[in-house]
C-alpha atoms as a PDB file:
ATOM      1  CA  MET A   1      12.378 -13.834-114.383  1.00  0.00           C
ATOM      2  CA  PRO A   2      12.721 -17.237-115.616  1.00  0.00           C
ATOM      3  CA  LYS A   3      10.549 -19.602-113.807  1.00  0.00           C
ATOM      4  CA  GLY A   4      12.913 -21.212-110.856  1.00  0.00           C
ATOM      5  CA  ARG A   5      15.178 -18.074-110.605  1.00  0.00           C
ATOM      6  CA  LYS A   6      14.979 -16.180-107.303  1.00  0.00           C
ATOM      7  CA  ARG A   7      14.688 -12.564-107.312  1.00  0.00           C
ATOM      8  CA  PRO A   8      17.526 -11.563-104.492  1.00  0.00           C
ATOM      9  CA  PHE A   9      16.184  -9.789-101.873  1.00  0.00           C
ATOM     10  CA  LEU A  10      16.261  -5.759-101.633  1.00  0.00           C
ATOM     11  CA  LEU A  11      18.319  -4.194 -98.889  1.00  0.00           C
ATOM     12  CA  TYR A  12      15.446  -2.874 -96.698  1.00  0.00           C
ATOM     13  CA  GLU A  13      14.237  -6.513 -96.813  1.00  0.00           C
ATOM     14  CA  GLY A  14      17.233  -8.043 -94.926  1.00  0.00           C
ATOM     15  CA  ARG A  15      21.066  -8.170 -95.210  1.00  0.00           C
ATOM     16  CA  CYS A  16      21.114 -11.025 -97.144  1.00  0.00           C
ATOM     17  CA  ALA A  17      20.260 -11.565-100.894  1.00  0.00           C
ATOM     18  CA  ASP A  18      19.246 -15.158-100.632  1.00  0.00           C
ATOM     19  CA  ASP A  19      17.863 -15.416 -97.322  1.00  0.00           C
ATOM     20  CA  ASN A  20      15.190 -17.444 -96.033  1.00  0.00           C
ATOM     21  CA  HIS A  21      11.686 -15.892 -96.564  1.00  0.00           C
ATOM     22  CA  LEU A  22       8.183 -16.322 -94.989  1.00  0.00           C
ATOM     23  CA  ARG A  23       4.677 -16.718 -97.141  1.00  0.00           C
ATOM     24  CA  ILE A  24       2.001 -15.080 -95.286  1.00  0.00           C
ATOM     25  CA  THR A  25      -1.061 -14.016 -97.694  1.00  0.00           C
ATOM     26  CA  ASN A  26      -2.967 -10.948 -97.243  1.00  0.00           C
ATOM     27  CA  ASP A  27      -6.224 -13.135 -95.977  1.00  0.00           C
ATOM     28  CA  MET A  28      -4.441 -14.192 -92.870  1.00  0.00           C
ATOM     29  CA  LEU A  29      -2.910 -10.745 -92.011  1.00  0.00           C
ATOM     30  CA  THR A  30      -6.204  -9.182 -92.450  1.00  0.00           C
ATOM     31  CA  SER A  31      -8.399 -11.917 -90.991  1.00  0.00           C
ATOM     32  CA  GLU A  32      -9.986 -11.094 -87.351  1.00  0.00           C
ATOM     33  CA  GLU A  33      -8.449 -14.212 -86.372  1.00  0.00           C
ATOM     34  CA  PHE A  34      -4.806 -13.225 -86.766  1.00  0.00           C
ATOM     35  CA  ILE A  35      -5.326  -9.628 -85.955  1.00  0.00           C
ATOM     36  CA  THR A  36      -6.886 -10.550 -82.692  1.00  0.00           C
ATOM     37  CA  LEU A  37      -3.779 -13.138 -81.746  1.00  0.00           C
ATOM     38  CA  SER A  38      -1.454 -11.431 -79.186  1.00  0.00           C
ATOM     39  CA  SER A  39       1.877 -10.184 -80.269  1.00  0.00           C
ATOM     40  CA  SER A  40       3.659 -13.063 -78.730  1.00  0.00           C
ATOM     41  CA  ALA A  41       1.421 -15.408 -81.019  1.00  0.00           C
ATOM     42  CA  LYS A  42       2.036 -13.528 -83.900  1.00  0.00           C
ATOM     43  CA  VAL A  43       5.691 -13.582 -83.552  1.00  0.00           C
ATOM     44  CA  LEU A  44       5.998 -17.411 -82.371  1.00  0.00           C
ATOM     45  CA  TYR A  45       3.918 -18.092 -85.358  1.00  0.00           C
ATOM     46  CA  THR A  46       6.592 -16.279 -87.729  1.00  0.00           C
ATOM     47  CA  TYR A  47       9.580 -18.283 -85.697  1.00  0.00           C
ATOM     48  CA  MET A  48       7.767 -21.608 -86.226  1.00  0.00           C
ATOM     49  CA  ARG A  49       6.914 -20.758 -90.092  1.00  0.00           C
ATOM     50  CA  LEU A  50      10.674 -19.764 -90.737  1.00  0.00           C
ATOM     51  CA  TRP A  51      12.018 -22.990 -88.772  1.00  0.00           C
ATOM     52  CA  SER A  52       9.847 -25.098 -90.914  1.00  0.00           C
ATOM     53  CA  LYS A  53      11.240 -23.867 -94.090  1.00  0.00           C
ATOM     54  CA  GLY A  54       8.052 -24.414 -95.963  1.00  0.00           C
ATOM     55  CA  ARG A  55       6.825 -27.763 -94.802  1.00  0.00           C
ATOM     56  CA  ASP A  56       3.619 -28.495 -93.151  1.00  0.00           C
ATOM     57  CA  SER A  57       4.651 -29.506 -89.873  1.00  0.00           C
ATOM     58  CA  VAL A  58       7.592 -28.286 -87.525  1.00  0.00           C
ATOM     59  CA  GLN A  59       9.480 -29.678 -84.711  1.00  0.00           C
ATOM     60  CA  TYR A  60       9.519 -26.807 -82.051  1.00  0.00           C
ATOM     61  CA  ALA A  61      10.149 -26.575 -78.516  1.00  0.00           C
ATOM     62  CA  ALA A  62      10.051 -23.549 -76.028  1.00  0.00           C
ATOM     63  CA  SER A  63      14.152 -23.669 -76.221  1.00  0.00           C
ATOM     64  CA  LEU A  64      14.283 -22.234 -79.503  1.00  0.00           C
ATOM     65  CA  THR A  65      12.478 -19.199 -78.071  1.00  0.00           C
ATOM     66  CA  LYS A  66      15.027 -18.514 -75.142  1.00  0.00           C
ATOM     67  CA  SER A  67      16.626 -15.337 -76.767  1.00  0.00           C
ATOM     68  CA  PHE A  68      13.368 -13.712 -77.330  1.00  0.00           C
ATOM     69  CA  MET A  69      10.376 -15.154 -75.377  1.00  0.00           C
ATOM     70  CA  ALA A  70      10.177 -16.470 -71.415  1.00  0.00           C
ATOM     71  CA  HIS A  71       9.032 -20.064 -71.349  1.00  0.00           C
ATOM     72  CA  THR A  72       5.600 -19.146 -69.875  1.00  0.00           C
ATOM     73  CA  THR A  73       5.110 -16.485 -72.633  1.00  0.00           C
ATOM     74  CA  PHE A  74       5.811 -19.560 -75.246  1.00  0.00           C
ATOM     75  CA  ALA A  75       3.506 -21.568 -73.605  1.00  0.00           C
ATOM     76  CA  ARG A  76       0.939 -19.216 -73.790  1.00  0.00           C
ATOM     77  CA  ALA A  77       1.496 -17.971 -77.157  1.00  0.00           C
ATOM     78  CA  ARG A  78       1.536 -21.683 -78.272  1.00  0.00           C
ATOM     79  CA  ASP A  79      -2.068 -22.742 -76.754  1.00  0.00           C
ATOM     80  CA  GLU A  80      -3.379 -19.383 -78.233  1.00  0.00           C
ATOM     81  CA  LEU A  81      -2.241 -20.537 -81.782  1.00  0.00           C
ATOM     82  CA  ILE A  82      -3.690 -23.890 -81.097  1.00  0.00           C
ATOM     83  CA  ALA A  83      -7.063 -22.365 -79.672  1.00  0.00           C
ATOM     84  CA  ALA A  84      -7.165 -20.107 -82.872  1.00  0.00           C
ATOM     85  CA  GLY A  85      -6.658 -22.772 -85.193  1.00  0.00           C
ATOM     86  CA  PHE A  86      -3.010 -21.635 -86.716  1.00  0.00           C
ATOM     87  CA  ILE A  87      -1.707 -24.571 -85.259  1.00  0.00           C
ATOM     88  CA  TYR A  88      -2.272 -28.277 -83.750  1.00  0.00           C
ATOM     89  CA  TRP A  89       0.015 -30.003 -81.522  1.00  0.00           C
ATOM     90  CA  ARG A  90       0.260 -33.526 -83.169  1.00  0.00           C
ATOM     91  CA  ASN A  91       2.192 -35.238 -80.456  1.00  0.00           C
ATOM     92  CA  LYS A  92       1.499 -33.268 -77.036  1.00  0.00           C
ATOM     93  CA  PRO A  93       3.740 -34.924 -74.270  1.00  0.00           C
ATOM     94  CA  VAL A  94       1.537 -37.210 -71.770  1.00  0.00           C
ATOM     95  CA  SER A  95       3.506 -35.810 -68.636  1.00  0.00           C
ATOM     96  CA  SER A  96       2.305 -32.039 -67.709  1.00  0.00           C
ATOM     97  CA  ASN A  97       6.016 -31.861 -66.393  1.00  0.00           C
ATOM     98  CA  ALA A  98       7.692 -32.321 -69.791  1.00  0.00           C
ATOM     99  CA  LYS A  99      10.530 -29.704 -69.685  1.00  0.00           C
ATOM    100  CA  ASP A 100      10.854 -28.492 -72.887  1.00  0.00           C
ATOM    101  CA  GLU A 101       7.434 -29.234 -74.165  1.00  0.00           C
ATOM    102  CA  ALA A 102       8.832 -29.948 -77.656  1.00  0.00           C
ATOM    103  CA  GLY A 103       6.645 -31.459 -80.108  1.00  0.00           C
ATOM    104  CA  ILE A 104       5.539 -31.806 -83.842  1.00  0.00           C
ATOM    105  CA  PHE A 105       3.110 -28.879 -84.535  1.00  0.00           C
ATOM    106  CA  GLU A 106       1.324 -29.027 -87.982  1.00  0.00           C
ATOM    107  CA  PHE A 107       0.134 -25.753 -89.229  1.00  0.00           C
ATOM    108  CA  SER A 108      -3.741 -25.753 -89.550  1.00  0.00           C
ATOM    109  CA  SER A 109      -6.220 -24.049 -91.755  1.00  0.00           C
ATOM    110  CA  SER A 110      -8.968 -24.206 -89.285  1.00  0.00           C
ATOM    111  CA  TRP A 111      -8.648 -20.757 -88.456  1.00  0.00           C
ATOM    112  CA  HIS A 112     -10.402 -19.792 -91.751  1.00  0.00           C
ATOM    113  CA  THR A 113     -12.972 -22.741 -91.873  1.00  0.00           C
ATOM    114  CA  LYS A 114     -16.308 -20.780 -90.731  1.00  0.00           C
ATOM    115  CA  LYS A 115     -15.895 -18.271 -93.657  1.00  0.00           C
ATOM    116  CA  PRO A 116     -16.614 -18.775 -97.517  1.00  0.00           C
ATOM    117  CA  HIS A 117     -13.578 -19.098 -99.580  1.00  0.00           C
ATOM    118  CA  CYS A 118     -12.057 -15.914-101.077  1.00  0.00           C
ATOM    119  CA  SER A 119     -13.855 -17.065-104.735  1.00  0.00           C
ATOM    120  CA  GLU A 120     -17.032 -17.402-103.198  1.00  0.00           C
ATOM    121  CA  PRO A 121     -19.266 -14.447-102.578  1.00  0.00           C
ATOM    122  CA  PRO A 122     -19.559 -13.573 -98.806  1.00  0.00           C
END
């Protein structure tokens, strides 16, 4: 296909041929760091990435997950993603009683900083 033209999604990929998509590498999917995340953390990461629409940071709140995740599950998954190095909470609320705990989250590469780059020998 010519540069700049998008290939439409196939029917098994979704109902909308021009839908948003998510880019996750094989390196991430097969990493021990990603594999050991809880299912809730993986789902939250996926939704945060979709919500960001390709930007390096995203404003996200627990209320955005209320249709598929309880607030306490959101908080645990968020904290797990932070601890594993997949996201960084840039403007964490000062009050621990923040109702929605909204914030700006940056996607982080620190989940893989301890290992050699793909082109480097192990």
